PDB file of N, CA and C in Angstrom:
ATOM      1  N   MET A   1      66.250  94.300 100.901  1.00  0.00           N
ATOM      2  CA  MET A   1      67.273  95.176 101.307  1.00  0.00           C
ATOM      3  C   MET A   1      68.839  94.040 101.240  1.00  0.00           C
ATOM      4  N   SER A   2      68.470  92.998 101.938  1.00  0.00           N
ATOM      5  CA  SER A   2      69.736  92.363 102.007  1.00  0.00           C
ATOM      6  C   SER A   2      71.013  92.360 100.060  1.00  0.00           C
ATOM      7  N   ASP A   3      69.843  92.789  99.009  1.00  0.00           N
ATOM      8  CA  ASP A   3      70.417  92.468  97.559  1.00  0.00           C
ATOM      9  C   ASP A   3      71.558  93.670  97.950  1.00  0.00           C
ATOM     10  N   ASP A   4      70.926  94.692  98.158  1.00  0.00           N
ATOM     11  CA  ASP A   4      71.573  96.183  97.949  1.00  0.00           C
ATOM     12  C   ASP A   4      72.372  95.840  98.561  1.00  0.00           C
ATOM     13  N   ASN A   5      72.648  95.465 100.082  1.00  0.00           N
ATOM     14  CA  ASN A   5      73.818  95.468 101.132  1.00  0.00           C
ATOM     15  C   ASN A   5      74.630  94.455 100.358  1.00  0.00           C
ATOM     16  N   SER A   6      74.656  93.177  99.651  1.00  0.00           N
ATOM     17  CA  SER A   6      75.606  92.972  99.030  1.00  0.00           C
ATOM     18  C   SER A   6      76.608  92.614  97.528  1.00  0.00           C
ATOM     19  N   LEU A   7      74.993  93.630  97.120  1.00  0.00           N
ATOM     20  CA  LEU A   7      75.569  94.271  95.768  1.00  0.00           C
ATOM     21  C   LEU A   7      76.827  95.215  96.034  1.00  0.00           C
ATOM     22  N   THR A   8      75.971  96.221  97.283  1.00  0.00           N
ATOM     23  CA  THR A   8      76.827  97.176  97.428  1.00  0.00           C
ATOM     24  C   THR A   8      78.699  96.492  97.772  1.00  0.00           C
ATOM     25  N   GLY A   9      78.404  95.906  98.434  1.00  0.00           N
ATOM     26  CA  GLY A   9      79.724  94.848  99.303  1.00  0.00           C
ATOM     27  C   GLY A   9      80.895  94.415  97.978  1.00  0.00           C
ATOM     28  N   LYS A  10      80.337  93.763  96.519  1.00  0.00           N
ATOM     29  CA  LYS A  10      80.578  93.561  95.444  1.00  0.00           C
ATOM     30  C   LYS A  10      81.216  94.716  94.829  1.00  0.00           C
ATOM     31  N   ALA A  11      80.517  95.944  95.325  1.00  0.00           N
ATOM     32  CA  ALA A  11      80.342  97.148  94.368  1.00  0.00           C
ATOM     33  C   ALA A  11      81.999  97.603  94.856  1.00  0.00           C
ATOM     34  N   ALA A  12      82.021  97.696  96.193  1.00  0.00           N
ATOM     35  CA  ALA A  12      83.700  97.841  97.273  1.00  0.00           C
ATOM     36  C   ALA A  12      84.640  97.216  96.704  1.00  0.00           C
ATOM     37  N   MET A  13      84.592  95.718  96.821  1.00  0.00           N
ATOM     38  CA  MET A  13      85.699  94.813  96.819  1.00  0.00           C
ATOM     39  C   MET A  13      85.800  95.174  94.623  1.00  0.00           C
ATOM     40  N   ALA A  14      85.087  95.318  94.312  1.00  0.00           N
ATOM     41  CA  ALA A  14      85.487  95.305  92.894  1.00  0.00           C
ATOM     42  C   ALA A  14      86.204  97.129  92.829  1.00  0.00           C
ATOM     43  N   GLY A  15      86.119  97.747  93.666  1.00  0.00           N
ATOM     44  CA  GLY A  15      86.514  98.826  93.451  1.00  0.00           C
ATOM     45  C   GLY A  15      88.435  98.822  94.172  1.00  0.00           C
ATOM     46  N   ALA A  16      88.312  98.279  95.189  1.00  0.00           N
ATOM     47  CA  ALA A  16      89.151  97.492  95.783  1.00  0.00           C
ATOM     48  C   ALA A  16      90.126  97.424  95.282  1.00  0.00           C
ATOM     49  N   ALA A  17      89.264  96.224  93.902  1.00  0.00           N
ATOM     50  CA  ALA A  17      90.807  95.527  93.088  1.00  0.00           C
ATOM     51  C   ALA A  17      91.094  96.439  92.098  1.00  0.00           C
ATOM     52  N   ILE A  18      90.521  97.340  91.662  1.00  0.00           N
ATOM     53  CA  ILE A  18      90.711  98.293  90.716  1.00  0.00           C
ATOM     54  C   ILE A  18      91.698  98.984  90.938  1.00  0.00           C
ATOM     55  N   GLY A  19      91.326  99.608  92.489  1.00  0.00           N
ATOM     56  CA  GLY A  19      92.622 100.848  93.154  1.00  0.00           C
ATOM     57  C   GLY A  19      93.570 100.291  92.927  1.00  0.00           C
ATOM     58  N   SER A  20      93.877  99.232  93.729  1.00  0.00           N
ATOM     59  CA  SER A  20      95.252  98.912  93.926  1.00  0.00           C
ATOM     60  C   SER A  20      95.953  97.727  93.205  1.00  0.00           C
ATOM     61  N   ALA A  21      95.546  97.911  91.732  1.00  0.00           N
ATOM     62  CA  ALA A  21      95.532  97.176  90.363  1.00  0.00           C
ATOM     63  C   ALA A  21      95.901  98.727  90.055  1.00  0.00           C
ATOM     64  N   ALA A  22      95.507  99.941  90.036  1.00  0.00           N
ATOM     65  CA  ALA A  22      95.751 100.706  89.437  1.00  0.00           C
ATOM     66  C   ALA A  22      97.438 101.452  90.265  1.00  0.00           C
ATOM     67  N   LEU A  23      97.415 101.239  91.355  1.00  0.00           N
ATOM     68  CA  LEU A  23      98.025 101.529  92.577  1.00  0.00           C
ATOM     69  C   LEU A  23      99.275 100.678  92.103  1.00  0.00           C
ATOM     70  N   ALA A  24      99.419  99.967  91.365  1.00  0.00           N
ATOM     71  CA  ALA A  24     100.453  98.723  91.561  1.00  0.00           C
ATOM     72  C   ALA A  24     101.177  98.890  89.833  1.00  0.00           C
ATOM     73  N   ALA A  25      99.879  99.111  88.832  1.00  0.00           N
ATOM     74  CA  ALA A  25     100.448  99.907  87.507  1.00  0.00           C
ATOM     75  C   ALA A  25     101.679 101.594  87.613  1.00  0.00           C
ATOM     76  N   ALA A  26     101.216 101.910  88.869  1.00  0.00           N
ATOM     77  CA  ALA A  26     101.879 103.381  88.778  1.00  0.00           C
ATOM     78  C   ALA A  26     103.044 103.182  89.552  1.00  0.00           C
ATOM     79  N   LEU A  27     103.622 102.626  90.284  1.00  0.00           N
ATOM     80  CA  LEU A  27     104.443 102.389  90.854  1.00  0.00           C
ATOM     81  C   LEU A  27     105.843 101.575  89.535  1.00  0.00           C
ATOM     82  N   LEU A  28     105.051 100.511  89.417  1.00  0.00           N
ATOM     83  CA  LEU A  28     105.858 100.065  88.394  1.00  0.00           C
ATOM     84  C   LEU A  28     106.590 101.020  87.191  1.00  0.00           C
ATOM     85  N   TYR A  29     105.508 101.540  86.525  1.00  0.00           N
ATOM     86  CA  TYR A  29     105.663 102.590  85.639  1.00  0.00           C
ATOM     87  C   TYR A  29     106.634 103.811  86.066  1.00  0.00           C
ATOM     88  N   ALA A  30     106.504 104.252  87.366  1.00  0.00           N
ATOM     89  CA  ALA A  30     107.502 105.056  88.010  1.00  0.00           C
ATOM     90  C   ALA A  30     108.887 104.411  88.303  1.00  0.00           C
ATOM     91  N   SER A  31     108.943 103.170  88.297  1.00  0.00           N
ATOM     92  CA  SER A  31     110.199 102.640  88.641  1.00  0.00           C
ATOM     93  C   SER A  31     110.625 102.423  87.489  1.00  0.00           C
ATOM     94  N   ARG A  32     110.147 101.854  86.455  1.00  0.00           N
ATOM     95  CA  ARG A  32     110.484 101.787  85.281  1.00  0.00           C
ATOM     96  C   ARG A  32     111.312 102.907  84.313  1.00  0.00           C
ATOM     97  N   ARG A  33     110.911 104.580  84.656  1.00  0.00           N
ATOM     98  CA  ARG A  33     111.361 105.677  84.270  1.00  0.00           C
ATOM     99  C   ARG A  33     112.930 106.064  85.090  1.00  0.00           C
ATOM    100  N   ARG A  34     112.558 105.359  86.546  1.00  0.00           N
ATOM    101  CA  ARG A  34     113.731 106.250  87.431  1.00  0.00           C
ATOM    102  C   ARG A  34     115.363 105.322  86.730  1.00  0.00           C
ATOM    103  N   GLU A  35     114.398 103.748  86.387  1.00  0.00           N
ATOM    104  CA  GLU A  35     115.626 103.227  85.833  1.00  0.00           C
ATOM    105  C   GLU A  35     116.396 103.663  84.655  1.00  0.00           C
ATOM    106  N   ARG A  36     115.028 104.187  83.634  1.00  0.00           N
ATOM    107  CA  ARG A  36     115.508 104.512  82.325  1.00  0.00           C
ATOM    108  C   ARG A  36     116.713 105.836  82.389  1.00  0.00           C
ATOM    109  N   ALA A  37     116.293 106.474  83.644  1.00  0.00           N
ATOM    110  CA  ALA A  37     116.690 107.934  83.397  1.00  0.00           C
ATOM    111  C   ALA A  37     118.476 107.705  83.751  1.00  0.00           C
ATOM    112  N   GLN A  38     118.433 106.622  84.948  1.00  0.00           N
ATOM    113  CA  GLN A  38     119.588 106.403  85.544  1.00  0.00           C
ATOM    114  C   GLN A  38     120.456 105.792  84.456  1.00  0.00           C
ATOM    115  N   ALA A  39     119.836 104.874  83.197  1.00  0.00           N
ATOM    116  CA  ALA A  39     120.854 104.737  82.033  1.00  0.00           C
ATOM    117  C   ALA A  39     121.547 105.489  81.236  1.00  0.00           C
ATOM    118  N   ARG A  40     120.437 106.691  81.327  1.00  0.00           N
ATOM    119  CA  ARG A  40     120.423 107.649  80.184  1.00  0.00           C
ATOM    120  C   ARG A  40     122.058 108.130  81.071  1.00  0.00           C
ATOM    121  N   ASN A  41     122.311 108.831  82.044  1.00  0.00           N
ATOM    122  CA  ASN A  41     122.535 109.327  82.940  1.00  0.00           C
ATOM    123  C   ASN A  41     124.221 108.037  83.210  1.00  0.00           C
ATOM    124  N   ALA A  42     124.316 106.949  83.203  1.00  0.00           N
ATOM    125  CA  ALA A  42     125.417 106.744  83.459  1.00  0.00           C
ATOM    126  C   ALA A  42     126.603 106.925  82.343  1.00  0.00           C
ATOM    127  N   LYS A  43     127.726 106.785  82.920  1.00  0.00           N
ATOM    128  CA  LYS A  43     129.010 106.864  82.419  1.00  0.00           C
ATOM    129  C   LYS A  43     129.415 106.207  81.824  1.00  0.00           C
ATOM    130  N   PRO A  44     130.023 105.792  80.422  1.00  0.00           N
ATOM    131  CA  PRO A  44     130.043 104.904  80.149  1.00  0.00           C
ATOM    132  C   PRO A  44     131.449 104.268  80.226  1.00  0.00           C
ATOM    133  N   ALA A  45     132.165 102.830  80.469  1.00  0.00           N
ATOM    134  CA  ALA A  45     133.001 102.483  81.156  1.00  0.00           C
ATOM    135  C   ALA A  45     134.230 102.939  80.153  1.00  0.00           C
ATOM    136  N   PRO A  46     135.351 103.000  80.897  1.00  0.00           N
ATOM    137  CA  PRO A  46     136.317 103.223  80.235  1.00  0.00           C
ATOM    138  C   PRO A  46     136.994 102.739  79.060  1.00  0.00           C
ATOM    139  N   GLY A  47     137.152 102.664  78.053  1.00  0.00           N
ATOM    140  CA  GLY A  47     137.438 101.996  76.722  1.00  0.00           C
ATOM    141  C   GLY A  47     136.468 101.429  75.839  1.00  0.00           C
ATOM    142  N   ALA A  48     135.412 102.103  76.340  1.00  0.00           N
ATOM    143  CA  ALA A  48     134.026 101.931  75.598  1.00  0.00           C
ATOM    144  C   ALA A  48     134.521 101.880  74.352  1.00  0.00           C
ATOM    145  N   ASN A  49     134.901 103.188  73.595  1.00  0.00           N
ATOM    146  CA  ASN A  49     135.154 103.821  72.467  1.00  0.00           C
ATOM    147  C   ASN A  49     136.321 103.510  72.536  1.00  0.00           C
ATOM    148  N   PRO A  50     136.332 103.439  70.772  1.00  0.00           N
ATOM    149  CA  PRO A  50     138.045 102.217  70.620  1.00  0.00           C
ATOM    150  C   PRO A  50     138.091 103.397  70.538  1.00  0.00           C
ATOM    151  N   PRO A  51     139.782 103.896  70.611  1.00  0.00           N
ATOM    152  CA  PRO A  51     140.455 105.134  70.257  1.00  0.00           C
ATOM    153  C   PRO A  51     140.482 105.842  68.499  1.00  0.00           C
ATOM    154  N   GLU A  52     140.860 106.976  69.065  1.00  0.00           N
ATOM    155  CA  GLU A  52     140.651 107.567  67.290  1.00  0.00           C
ATOM    156  C   GLU A  52     142.038 107.697  66.503  1.00  0.00           C
ATOM    157  N   THR A  53     141.642 106.780  65.464  1.00  0.00           N
ATOM    158  CA  THR A  53     143.322 106.904  65.162  1.00  0.00           C
ATOM    159  C   THR A  53     143.426 107.534  63.645  1.00  0.00           C
ATOM    160  N   ASP A  54     144.269 108.269  63.485  1.00  0.00           N
ATOM    161  CA  ASP A  54     144.280 108.706  62.016  1.00  0.00           C
ATOM    162  C   ASP A  54     145.668 108.171  61.290  1.00  0.00           C
TER     163      ASP A  54
END
């Protein structure tokens, strides 16, 4: 029976590692999306566009 317990412990550790990696990936994805949305909504700097001349 001790083999089953050690196997269960290893499976639990593997599950925890996979879960924490998934959580880290989700946080990175969310922060990247937020940065892109902020960059898209940012106003251009004054003088960034050349004046139109005819």
